[in-house]
C-alpha atoms as a PDB file:
ATOM      1  CA  MET A   1      -9.369   4.023  13.746  1.00  0.00           C
ATOM      2  CA  LYS A   2      -5.737   4.487  14.370  1.00  0.00           C
ATOM      3  CA  LYS A   3      -4.400   8.042  14.732  1.00  0.00           C
ATOM      4  CA  ILE A   4      -0.610   9.055  13.928  1.00  0.00           C
ATOM      5  CA  THR A   5       1.057  12.302  15.454  1.00  0.00           C
ATOM      6  CA  LEU A   6       3.822  13.903  13.494  1.00  0.00           C
ATOM      7  CA  LEU A   7       5.923  16.783  14.947  1.00  0.00           C
ATOM      8  CA  LEU A   8       7.128  19.376  12.445  1.00  0.00           C
ATOM      9  CA  LYS A   9      10.382  20.719  13.923  1.00  0.00           C
ATOM     10  CA  ASN A  10      12.526  23.509  13.168  1.00  0.00           C
ATOM     11  CA  GLY A  11      11.101  24.325   9.737  1.00  0.00           C
ATOM     12  CA  ILE A  12       9.854  28.016  10.505  1.00  0.00           C
ATOM     13  CA  ILE A  13      12.730  30.410  10.978  1.00  0.00           C
ATOM     14  CA  ALA A  14      12.467  33.906   9.363  1.00  0.00           C
ATOM     15  CA  MET A  15       9.831  36.095  10.259  1.00  0.00           C
ATOM     16  CA  MET A  16       8.293  38.924   8.018  1.00  0.00           C
ATOM     17  CA  VAL A  17       5.227  41.338   7.568  1.00  0.00           C
ATOM     18  CA  MET A  18       2.316  39.685   6.625  1.00  0.00           C
ATOM     19  CA  ALA A  19       2.026  39.682   2.715  1.00  0.00           C
ATOM     20  CA  ALA A  20      -0.209  37.745   0.537  1.00  0.00           C
ATOM     21  CA  ILE A  21       1.086  34.422  -0.258  1.00  0.00           C
ATOM     22  CA  PRO A  22       1.457  33.246  -3.872  1.00  0.00           C
ATOM     23  CA  THR A  23      -1.363  30.545  -4.948  1.00  0.00           C
ATOM     24  CA  ALA A  24       1.239  28.689  -7.271  1.00  0.00           C
ATOM     25  CA  ALA A  25       5.078  27.775  -6.568  1.00  0.00           C
ATOM     26  CA  GLN A  26       7.857  25.525  -8.045  1.00  0.00           C
ATOM     27  CA  ILE A  27       6.587  22.030  -7.969  1.00  0.00           C
ATOM     28  CA  VAL A  28       9.005  19.689  -5.939  1.00  0.00           C
ATOM     29  CA  ALA A  29       6.932  16.347  -6.208  1.00  0.00           C
ATOM     30  CA  PRO A  30       7.580  13.323  -4.491  1.00  0.00           C
ATOM     31  CA  GLN A  31      10.162  11.122  -6.219  1.00  0.00           C
ATOM     32  CA  PRO A  32       9.314   7.494  -5.587  1.00  0.00           C
ATOM     33  CA  ALA A  33      11.964   4.594  -6.423  1.00  0.00           C
ATOM     34  CA  ALA A  34      11.682   2.101  -9.010  1.00  0.00           C
ATOM     35  CA  THR A  35      11.436  -0.528  -6.331  1.00  0.00           C
ATOM     36  CA  ILE A  36       9.703   0.511  -3.115  1.00  0.00           C
ATOM     37  CA  SER A  37      10.826  -1.493  -0.119  1.00  0.00           C
ATOM     38  CA  THR A  38      11.512   1.204   2.703  1.00  0.00           C
ATOM     39  CA  PRO A  39       9.872   4.676   3.521  1.00  0.00           C
ATOM     40  CA  ALA A  40      12.929   6.470   1.852  1.00  0.00           C
ATOM     41  CA  ASP A  41      11.970   4.761  -1.313  1.00  0.00           C
ATOM     42  CA  LEU A  42       8.744   6.889  -1.328  1.00  0.00           C
ATOM     43  CA  ASN A  43      10.632  10.193  -0.512  1.00  0.00           C
ATOM     44  CA  VAL A  44       8.403  10.962   2.551  1.00  0.00           C
ATOM     45  CA  GLY A  45       8.852  13.467   5.358  1.00  0.00           C
ATOM     46  CA  THR A  46       9.533  16.902   6.126  1.00  0.00           C
ATOM     47  CA  LEU A  47      11.046  19.529   3.423  1.00  0.00           C
ATOM     48  CA  ASN A  48      12.071  22.867   4.140  1.00  0.00           C
ATOM     49  CA  ASN A  49      11.272  25.851   2.224  1.00  0.00           C
ATOM     50  CA  ASN A  50      10.210  23.273  -0.856  1.00  0.00           C
ATOM     51  CA  THR A  51      13.953  23.003  -1.555  1.00  0.00           C
ATOM     52  CA  GLY A  52      16.600  20.536  -1.035  1.00  0.00           C
ATOM     53  CA  SER A  53      16.028  16.634   0.305  1.00  0.00           C
ATOM     54  CA  VAL A  54      13.268  15.486   2.128  1.00  0.00           C
ATOM     55  CA  THR A  55      14.052  14.383   5.843  1.00  0.00           C
ATOM     56  CA  VAL A  56      12.795  10.986   5.594  1.00  0.00           C
ATOM     57  CA  LEU A  57      10.349   9.897   8.557  1.00  0.00           C
ATOM     58  CA  ASP A  58       9.110   6.289   8.641  1.00  0.00           C
ATOM     59  CA  GLN A  59       5.703   7.418  10.490  1.00  0.00           C
ATOM     60  CA  ALA A  60       4.938   9.295   6.941  1.00  0.00           C
ATOM     61  CA  VAL A  61       3.828   5.849   5.664  1.00  0.00           C
ATOM     62  CA  LEU A  62       0.086   4.997   6.484  1.00  0.00           C
ATOM     63  CA  PHE A  63      -2.043   2.283   6.039  1.00  0.00           C
ATOM     64  CA  TYR A  64      -5.047   2.402   4.356  1.00  0.00           C
ATOM     65  CA  ASN A  65      -8.153   0.866   6.014  1.00  0.00           C
ATOM     66  CA  PRO A  66     -11.370   0.703   3.430  1.00  0.00           C
ATOM     67  CA  ALA A  67     -13.575   0.518   6.839  1.00  0.00           C
ATOM     68  CA  THR A  68     -12.610   4.006   7.834  1.00  0.00           C
ATOM     69  CA  ASP A  69     -11.986   5.463   3.989  1.00  0.00           C
ATOM     70  CA  GLY A  70      -8.333   5.783   5.233  1.00  0.00           C
ATOM     71  CA  PRO A  71      -6.148   6.799   8.172  1.00  0.00           C
ATOM     72  CA  SER A  72      -6.387   9.709  10.475  1.00  0.00           C
ATOM     73  CA  LEU A  73      -3.243  11.752  11.107  1.00  0.00           C
ATOM     74  CA  THR A  74      -2.458  14.812  13.283  1.00  0.00           C
ATOM     75  CA  LEU A  75       0.317  16.953  12.859  1.00  0.00           C
ATOM     76  CA  THR A  76       1.930  19.026  15.200  1.00  0.00           C
ATOM     77  CA  ALA A  77       4.196  22.549  14.565  1.00  0.00           C
ATOM     78  CA  SER A  78       6.813  23.696  16.597  1.00  0.00           C
ATOM     79  CA  LEU A  79       5.725  26.298  19.317  1.00  0.00           C
ATOM     80  CA  ASP A  80       8.600  28.527  18.190  1.00  0.00           C
ATOM     81  CA  ASP A  81      11.263  28.944  15.386  1.00  0.00           C
ATOM     82  CA  GLY A  82      14.508  28.061  17.458  1.00  0.00           C
ATOM     83  CA  ASN A  83      15.655  31.516  17.291  1.00  0.00           C
ATOM     84  CA  GLY A  84      13.276  33.135  20.109  1.00  0.00           C
ATOM     85  CA  ASN A  85      10.649  33.756  18.218  1.00  0.00           C
ATOM     86  CA  THR A  86       7.436  32.090  19.804  1.00  0.00           C
ATOM     87  CA  PHE A  87       4.285  31.524  17.518  1.00  0.00           C
ATOM     88  CA  THR A  88       0.904  32.858  18.506  1.00  0.00           C
ATOM     89  CA  SER A  89      -0.937  31.017  15.586  1.00  0.00           C
ATOM     90  CA  TYR A  90      -0.242  29.105  12.265  1.00  0.00           C
ATOM     91  CA  GLU A  91      -1.644  28.747   8.782  1.00  0.00           C
ATOM     92  CA  TRP A  92      -1.843  25.352   6.947  1.00  0.00           C
ATOM     93  CA  TYR A  93      -2.132  24.433   3.514  1.00  0.00           C
ATOM     94  CA  ASN A  94      -2.994  21.373   1.450  1.00  0.00           C
ATOM     95  CA  ILE A  95      -0.799  21.443  -1.278  1.00  0.00           C
ATOM     96  CA  ALA A  96      -1.564  19.946  -4.701  1.00  0.00           C
ATOM     97  CA  THR A  97      -0.314  20.223  -8.264  1.00  0.00           C
ATOM     98  CA  ASP A  98      -1.286  20.258 -11.960  1.00  0.00           C
ATOM     99  CA  GLY A  99       2.176  18.621 -12.926  1.00  0.00           C
ATOM    100  CA  SER A 100       3.936  21.638 -13.576  1.00  0.00           C
ATOM    101  CA  SER A 101       3.460  23.946 -10.738  1.00  0.00           C
ATOM    102  CA  GLU A 102       2.053  23.734  -7.083  1.00  0.00           C
ATOM    103  CA  THR A 103      -1.001  25.284  -5.528  1.00  0.00           C
ATOM    104  CA  GLU A 104      -1.396  26.228  -1.759  1.00  0.00           C
ATOM    105  CA  ASN A 105      -4.936  25.492  -0.728  1.00  0.00           C
ATOM    106  CA  VAL A 106      -5.462  26.891   2.548  1.00  0.00           C
ATOM    107  CA  ILE A 107      -7.047  24.988   5.233  1.00  0.00           C
ATOM    108  CA  THR A 108      -9.795  27.146   6.351  1.00  0.00           C
ATOM    109  CA  GLY A 109     -10.476  27.556  10.107  1.00  0.00           C
ATOM    110  CA  GLU A 110      -6.930  25.648  11.308  1.00  0.00           C
ATOM    111  CA  THR A 111      -4.691  28.046  13.066  1.00  0.00           C
ATOM    112  CA  ALA A 112      -3.594  25.944  16.099  1.00  0.00           C
ATOM    113  CA  ALA A 113      -0.160  24.097  16.237  1.00  0.00           C
ATOM    114  CA  THR A 114      -1.897  20.901  15.522  1.00  0.00           C
ATOM    115  CA  LEU A 115      -3.668  19.902  12.271  1.00  0.00           C
ATOM    116  CA  THR A 116      -5.757  16.844  12.188  1.00  0.00           C
ATOM    117  CA  ARG A 117      -6.907  15.024   9.002  1.00  0.00           C
ATOM    118  CA  THR A 118      -9.056  11.998   8.642  1.00  0.00           C
ATOM    119  CA  GLY A 119     -10.306   9.725   5.852  1.00  0.00           C
ATOM    120  CA  LEU A 120      -6.833   9.995   3.743  1.00  0.00           C
ATOM    121  CA  ALA A 121      -6.952   8.706   0.432  1.00  0.00           C
ATOM    122  CA  PRO A 122      -4.480   6.201  -1.018  1.00  0.00           C
ATOM    123  CA  GLY A 123      -1.329   7.931  -2.488  1.00  0.00           C
ATOM    124  CA  TYR A 124       0.525  11.042  -1.661  1.00  0.00           C
ATOM    125  CA  HIS A 125      -0.341  13.956   0.516  1.00  0.00           C
ATOM    126  CA  LYS A 126       1.756  17.253   1.003  1.00  0.00           C
ATOM    127  CA  PHE A 127       0.824  19.778   3.768  1.00  0.00           C
ATOM    128  CA  ARG A 128       2.527  23.357   4.521  1.00  0.00           C
ATOM    129  CA  VAL A 129       2.816  25.268   7.570  1.00  0.00           C
ATOM    130  CA  TYR A 130       3.698  28.971   8.308  1.00  0.00           C
ATOM    131  CA  GLY A 131       3.889  30.278  11.838  1.00  0.00           C
ATOM    132  CA  LEU A 132       2.698  33.782  12.675  1.00  0.00           C
ATOM    133  CA  VAL A 133       3.516  35.917  15.558  1.00  0.00           C
ATOM    134  CA  ASN A 134       1.330  38.770  17.112  1.00  0.00           C
ATOM    135  CA  ASP A 135       3.317  41.281  19.356  1.00  0.00           C
ATOM    136  CA  GLY A 136      -0.006  43.100  19.825  1.00  0.00           C
ATOM    137  CA  SER A 137       0.894  46.068  17.112  1.00  0.00           C
ATOM    138  CA  VAL A 138       1.754  43.837  14.349  1.00  0.00           C
ATOM    139  CA  ILE A 139       1.344  40.434  12.881  1.00  0.00           C
ATOM    140  CA  CYS A 140       4.593  38.819  11.344  1.00  0.00           C
ATOM    141  CA  GLN A 141       4.155  35.663   9.355  1.00  0.00           C
ATOM    142  CA  SER A 142       7.236  33.524   8.514  1.00  0.00           C
ATOM    143  CA  GLU A 143       8.799  33.895   5.118  1.00  0.00           C
ATOM    144  CA  GLU A 144      10.082  30.191   5.547  1.00  0.00           C
ATOM    145  CA  PHE A 145       7.832  27.265   5.816  1.00  0.00           C
ATOM    146  CA  GLN A 146       8.014  23.414   6.252  1.00  0.00           C
ATOM    147  CA  ASP A 147       5.982  20.786   4.237  1.00  0.00           C
ATOM    148  CA  ILE A 148       5.658  17.367   5.158  1.00  0.00           C
ATOM    149  CA  ILE A 149       5.192  14.622   2.763  1.00  0.00           C
ATOM    150  CA  ILE A 150       2.618  11.694   3.602  1.00  0.00           C
ATOM    151  CA  PHE A 151       1.983   8.469   1.811  1.00  0.00           C
ATOM    152  CA  VAL A 152      -1.086   6.152   2.272  1.00  0.00           C
ATOM    153  CA  LEU A 153      -0.464   2.607   1.123  1.00  0.00           C
ATOM    154  CA  PRO A 154      -3.118   1.969  -1.879  1.00  0.00           C
ATOM    155  CA  PRO A 155      -5.488  -1.340  -1.590  1.00  0.00           C
ATOM    156  CA  LEU A 156      -3.725  -3.718  -4.129  1.00  0.00           C
ATOM    157  CA  THR A 157      -5.482  -5.820  -6.599  1.00  0.00           C
ATOM    158  CA  VAL A 158      -4.000  -9.065  -7.525  1.00  0.00           C
ATOM    159  CA  GLU A 159      -4.184 -10.878 -10.793  1.00  0.00           C
ATOM    160  CA  THR A 160      -3.263 -14.695 -11.311  1.00  0.00           C
ATOM    161  CA  ALA A 161      -2.408 -16.752 -14.421  1.00  0.00           C
ATOM    162  CA  PHE A 162      -1.366 -20.288 -14.876  1.00  0.00           C
ATOM    163  CA  ASP A 163       0.310 -22.411 -17.507  1.00  0.00           C
ATOM    164  CA  ASP A 164      -1.116 -26.043 -17.647  1.00  0.00           C
ATOM    165  CA  LYS A 165       2.176 -27.105 -19.451  1.00  0.00           C
ATOM    166  CA  GLY A 166       0.249 -29.512 -21.714  1.00  0.00           C
ATOM    167  CA  ASN A 167      -1.047 -31.552 -18.624  1.00  0.00           C
ATOM    168  CA  PRO A 168      -4.873 -32.276 -18.246  1.00  0.00           C
ATOM    169  CA  LEU A 169      -6.523 -30.755 -15.371  1.00  0.00           C
ATOM    170  CA  GLY A 170      -7.770 -34.083 -14.392  1.00  0.00           C
ATOM    171  CA  TYR A 171      -5.261 -37.215 -13.967  1.00  0.00           C
ATOM    172  CA  CYS A 172      -4.727 -40.195 -12.093  1.00  0.00           C
ATOM    173  CA  LEU A 173      -2.201 -40.559  -9.514  1.00  0.00           C
ATOM    174  CA  ALA A 174      -0.418 -43.475 -11.498  1.00  0.00           C
ATOM    175  CA  ASP A 175       0.495 -40.705 -14.329  1.00  0.00           C
ATOM    176  CA  LEU A 176       2.177 -38.300 -12.029  1.00  0.00           C
ATOM    177  CA  ALA A 177       5.952 -39.409 -12.691  1.00  0.00           C
ATOM    178  CA  SER A 178       5.107 -38.136 -16.368  1.00  0.00           C
ATOM    179  CA  MET A 179       3.480 -35.139 -15.552  1.00  0.00           C
ATOM    180  CA  THR A 180       5.224 -31.560 -15.814  1.00  0.00           C
ATOM    181  CA  PRO A 181       4.075 -29.459 -12.734  1.00  0.00           C
ATOM    182  CA  ILE A 182       1.791 -26.803 -13.710  1.00  0.00           C
ATOM    183  CA  GLU A 183       2.891 -23.397 -13.198  1.00  0.00           C
ATOM    184  CA  LEU A 184       0.937 -20.808 -10.964  1.00  0.00           C
ATOM    185  CA  SER A 185       2.116 -17.102 -10.984  1.00  0.00           C
ATOM    186  CA  VAL A 186       1.001 -13.590 -10.131  1.00  0.00           C
ATOM    187  CA  SER A 187       0.496 -12.139 -13.533  1.00  0.00           C
ATOM    188  CA  GLY A 188      -0.171  -8.569 -12.155  1.00  0.00           C
ATOM    189  CA  VAL A 189      -0.254  -6.181  -9.063  1.00  0.00           C
ATOM    190  CA  THR A 190      -1.983  -3.044  -9.411  1.00  0.00           C
ATOM    191  CA  ALA A 191      -2.647  -0.271  -6.974  1.00  0.00           C
ATOM    192  CA  ASP A 192      -6.072   2.000  -6.605  1.00  0.00           C
ATOM    193  CA  TYR A 193      -5.678   5.729  -6.295  1.00  0.00           C
ATOM    194  CA  SER A 194      -8.651   6.962  -7.603  1.00  0.00           C
ATOM    195  CA  ALA A 195     -10.309   8.533  -4.775  1.00  0.00           C
ATOM    196  CA  ASN A 196      -6.689  10.788  -4.733  1.00  0.00           C
ATOM    197  CA  ALA A 197      -7.169  14.148  -6.859  1.00  0.00           C
ATOM    198  CA  ASN A 198      -4.346  16.275  -5.258  1.00  0.00           C
ATOM    199  CA  GLY A 199      -2.112  15.489  -9.023  1.00  0.00           C
ATOM    200  CA  TYR A 200       0.719  13.906  -7.569  1.00  0.00           C
ATOM    201  CA  THR A 201       2.092  10.878  -9.505  1.00  0.00           C
ATOM    202  CA  ASN A 202       2.139   7.674  -7.378  1.00  0.00           C
ATOM    203  CA  PRO A 203       3.908   4.833  -7.575  1.00  0.00           C
ATOM    204  CA  LEU A 204       2.488   1.358  -9.788  1.00  0.00           C
ATOM    205  CA  GLY A 205       1.547  -1.410  -7.684  1.00  0.00           C
ATOM    206  CA  GLU A 206       4.277  -3.636  -9.369  1.00  0.00           C
ATOM    207  CA  ALA A 207       6.595  -1.315  -7.839  1.00  0.00           C
ATOM    208  CA  PHE A 208       6.217  -2.382  -4.236  1.00  0.00           C
ATOM    209  CA  ALA A 209       7.934  -5.203  -2.730  1.00  0.00           C
ATOM    210  CA  VAL A 210       5.478  -7.684  -1.500  1.00  0.00           C
ATOM    211  CA  THR A 211       5.457 -11.018  -0.036  1.00  0.00           C
ATOM    212  CA  TYR A 212       3.258 -13.862  -1.618  1.00  0.00           C
ATOM    213  CA  GLN A 213       2.047 -16.789   0.113  1.00  0.00           C
ATOM    214  CA  TRP A 214       0.162 -19.976  -1.822  1.00  0.00           C
ATOM    215  CA  PHE A 215      -2.576 -21.839  -0.724  1.00  0.00           C
ATOM    216  CA  ALA A 216      -4.525 -24.873  -1.873  1.00  0.00           C
ATOM    217  CA  VAL A 217      -7.800 -25.698  -1.032  1.00  0.00           C
ATOM    218  CA  LYS A 218      -8.541 -29.651  -0.639  1.00  0.00           C
ATOM    219  CA  ASP A 219     -12.149 -31.043  -1.654  1.00  0.00           C
ATOM    220  CA  GLY A 220     -13.574 -27.410  -0.884  1.00  0.00           C
ATOM    221  CA  ASP A 221     -12.685 -27.498   2.529  1.00  0.00           C
ATOM    222  CA  THR A 222     -11.995 -23.631   2.735  1.00  0.00           C
ATOM    223  CA  ASP A 223     -11.379 -23.702   6.620  1.00  0.00           C
ATOM    224  CA  ASN A 224      -8.330 -25.827   6.399  1.00  0.00           C
ATOM    225  CA  PRO A 225      -6.367 -24.556   3.423  1.00  0.00           C
ATOM    226  CA  ILE A 226      -3.104 -26.223   2.732  1.00  0.00           C
ATOM    227  CA  ASP A 227       0.079 -23.837   3.035  1.00  0.00           C
ATOM    228  CA  LEU A 228       2.101 -24.602  -0.289  1.00  0.00           C
ATOM    229  CA  GLU A 229       5.105 -22.782   1.865  1.00  0.00           C
ATOM    230  CA  THR A 230       6.194 -20.881  -0.971  1.00  0.00           C
ATOM    231  CA  THR A 231       6.913 -16.899  -0.812  1.00  0.00           C
ATOM    232  CA  THR A 232       7.483 -16.023  -4.569  1.00  0.00           C
ATOM    233  CA  GLU A 233       5.217 -15.129  -7.446  1.00  0.00           C
ATOM    234  CA  ASN A 234       5.701 -18.260  -8.863  1.00  0.00           C
ATOM    235  CA  TYR A 235       4.696 -21.955  -7.848  1.00  0.00           C
ATOM    236  CA  SER A 236       4.668 -25.595  -9.347  1.00  0.00           C
ATOM    237  CA  VAL A 237       1.848 -27.631  -8.707  1.00  0.00           C
ATOM    238  CA  ASP A 238       3.356 -30.934  -7.960  1.00  0.00           C
ATOM    239  CA  LEU A 239       0.457 -32.854  -6.318  1.00  0.00           C
ATOM    240  CA  ASP A 240       0.679 -36.524  -5.048  1.00  0.00           C
ATOM    241  CA  GLN A 241      -2.549 -36.951  -3.134  1.00  0.00           C
ATOM    242  CA  ALA A 242      -6.212 -37.662  -4.704  1.00  0.00           C
ATOM    243  CA  GLY A 243      -8.422 -34.884  -4.433  1.00  0.00           C
ATOM    244  CA  SER A 244     -10.220 -32.075  -6.029  1.00  0.00           C
ATOM    245  CA  TYR A 245      -7.899 -28.758  -5.770  1.00  0.00           C
ATOM    246  CA  THR A 246      -8.493 -25.100  -6.047  1.00  0.00           C
ATOM    247  CA  PHE A 247      -5.628 -22.634  -5.240  1.00  0.00           C
ATOM    248  CA  TYR A 248      -5.227 -18.581  -4.204  1.00  0.00           C
ATOM    249  CA  VAL A 249      -2.566 -16.444  -3.480  1.00  0.00           C
ATOM    250  CA  GLU A 250      -1.978 -13.991  -0.674  1.00  0.00           C
ATOM    251  CA  VAL A 251       0.109 -10.772  -1.447  1.00  0.00           C
ATOM    252  CA  LYS A 252       1.049  -8.395   1.659  1.00  0.00           C
ATOM    253  CA  TYR A 253       3.323  -5.437   1.630  1.00  0.00           C
ATOM    254  CA  VAL A 254       6.938  -6.221   3.209  1.00  0.00           C
ATOM    255  CA  ASP A 255       7.398  -5.233   6.814  1.00  0.00           C
ATOM    256  CA  SER A 256      10.291  -2.835   5.972  1.00  0.00           C
ATOM    257  CA  ILE A 257       7.763  -0.633   4.166  1.00  0.00           C
ATOM    258  CA  LYS A 258       5.612  -0.330   7.278  1.00  0.00           C
ATOM    259  CA  GLU A 259       5.773  -2.462  10.291  1.00  0.00           C
ATOM    260  CA  ASP A 260       2.942  -3.782  12.371  1.00  0.00           C
ATOM    261  CA  ASN A 261       1.010  -5.183   9.564  1.00  0.00           C
ATOM    262  CA  ASP A 262       0.424  -8.950  10.901  1.00  0.00           C
ATOM    263  CA  ASP A 263      -2.509  -7.992  12.887  1.00  0.00           C
ATOM    264  CA  ARG A 264      -4.643  -6.143  10.128  1.00  0.00           C
ATOM    265  CA  ASP A 265      -6.535  -8.231   7.888  1.00  0.00           C
ATOM    266  CA  TYR A 266      -7.451  -5.367   5.445  1.00  0.00           C
ATOM    267  CA  LEU A 267      -3.449  -5.556   4.423  1.00  0.00           C
ATOM    268  CA  THR A 268      -3.681  -9.081   2.991  1.00  0.00           C
ATOM    269  CA  TYR A 269      -4.838  -8.991  -0.738  1.00  0.00           C
ATOM    270  CA  THR A 270      -6.232 -12.261  -1.846  1.00  0.00           C
ATOM    271  CA  ASN A 271      -6.979 -13.449  -5.281  1.00  0.00           C
ATOM    272  CA  GLN A 272      -8.044 -17.038  -6.474  1.00  0.00           C
ATOM    273  CA  VAL A 273      -6.343 -18.478  -9.359  1.00  0.00           C
ATOM    274  CA  GLU A 274      -9.013 -18.842 -12.417  1.00  0.00           C
ATOM    275  CA  ASN A 275      -9.868 -20.264 -15.686  1.00  0.00           C
ATOM    276  CA  THR A 276      -9.822 -17.744 -18.672  1.00  0.00           C
ATOM    277  CA  ASP A 277     -13.720 -18.012 -18.167  1.00  0.00           C
ATOM    278  CA  GLY A 278     -13.271 -16.633 -14.573  1.00  0.00           C
ATOM    279  CA  THR A 279     -14.380 -20.086 -13.148  1.00  0.00           C
ATOM    280  CA  PRO A 280     -12.027 -21.375 -10.315  1.00  0.00           C
ATOM    281  CA  LEU A 281      -9.036 -23.452 -11.598  1.00  0.00           C
ATOM    282  CA  THR A 282      -9.785 -26.872 -10.699  1.00  0.00           C
ATOM    283  CA  ILE A 283      -7.304 -29.776 -10.494  1.00  0.00           C
ATOM    284  CA  VAL A 284      -8.845 -33.181 -10.014  1.00  0.00           C
ATOM    285  CA  VAL A 285      -6.278 -35.922  -9.001  1.00  0.00           C
ATOM    286  CA  THR A 286      -7.913 -39.503  -9.377  1.00  0.00           C
ATOM    287  CA  PRO A 287      -6.677 -42.231  -6.933  1.00  0.00           C
ATOM    288  CA  ILE A 288      -4.957 -45.691  -8.314  1.00  0.00           C
ATOM    289  CA  PRO A 289      -7.681 -48.077  -8.001  1.00  0.00           C
ATOM    290  CA  GLY A 290      -7.317 -51.412  -6.253  1.00  0.00           C
ATOM    291  CA  ALA A 291      -7.470 -54.639  -7.723  1.00  0.00           C
ATOM    292  CA  PRO A 292     -10.998 -56.079  -8.676  1.00  0.00           C
ATOM    293  CA  THR A 293     -11.836 -59.257  -6.756  1.00  0.00           C
ATOM    294  CA  ILE A 294     -13.384 -62.172  -8.571  1.00  0.00           C
ATOM    295  CA  SER A 295     -16.252 -64.552  -7.369  1.00  0.00           C
ATOM    296  CA  ILE A 296     -18.300 -67.152  -9.088  1.00  0.00           C
ATOM    297  CA  SER A 297     -21.505 -65.736 -10.017  1.00  0.00           C
ATOM    298  CA  SER A 298     -22.939 -68.923 -11.760  1.00  0.00           C
ATOM    299  CA  VAL A 299     -22.449 -72.540 -12.489  1.00  0.00           C
ATOM    300  CA  ASP A 300     -24.107 -74.539 -15.136  1.00  0.00           C
END
């Protein structure tokens, strides 16, 4: 399990006598862009006092690994407020929303400068920290605070489709010149956020910038797929060798959303192209037969 550590800097400034913290506050929800290709499009990072703009942090985008039920994360708050006040303890909160207001849910027992969370579900997470100073006679808590917005990239479900363009799914190579290539396409990319219950609205799967890679499997040889060398969501099938072919597409997040994804098998989302009945789409190309030979079989 990969652990990521983030430092929350200079977000805790003013000090006040300990007072009750409101359980609900004005909502400042993450605002993802219509098309997501960078961490800035996800609006992730730190936010002072739940106002203003988010300071974007690339590290705030995490990969989801189903084998670990999500990534682990360690947050580290600053030791002081930058104005000479050194914190002796902290209060950490997980923030949730009902769509109109946010609720601070205290994370019980977490009073150190570091907070570790494991098994983070796909989607947005928002954490808040206050600093406390104990001078021996009174405990003062910071009036101001800092939030951090995290986003865990969700598993993607890829749907495919094909248009036969009026062509048969079995043909002779001699007929290739008169054929219109069959069109394969990705008809939908959806994201799974079902394990996340904190209330924030997460971006649709189709909002993410992804890469596409199409493959053909000839004569059932799954160990040696044919790379069709295209990176678009559509592929025109134009087969010029005899054989029986099935097809599949691999979809991955673009590197600009989160780097270092090439060595993570669980970040490749694969789907086979199927017929409407769920069976694999199969195209059979029959070779052009050679000429028959003639022999004399009988003489009267």
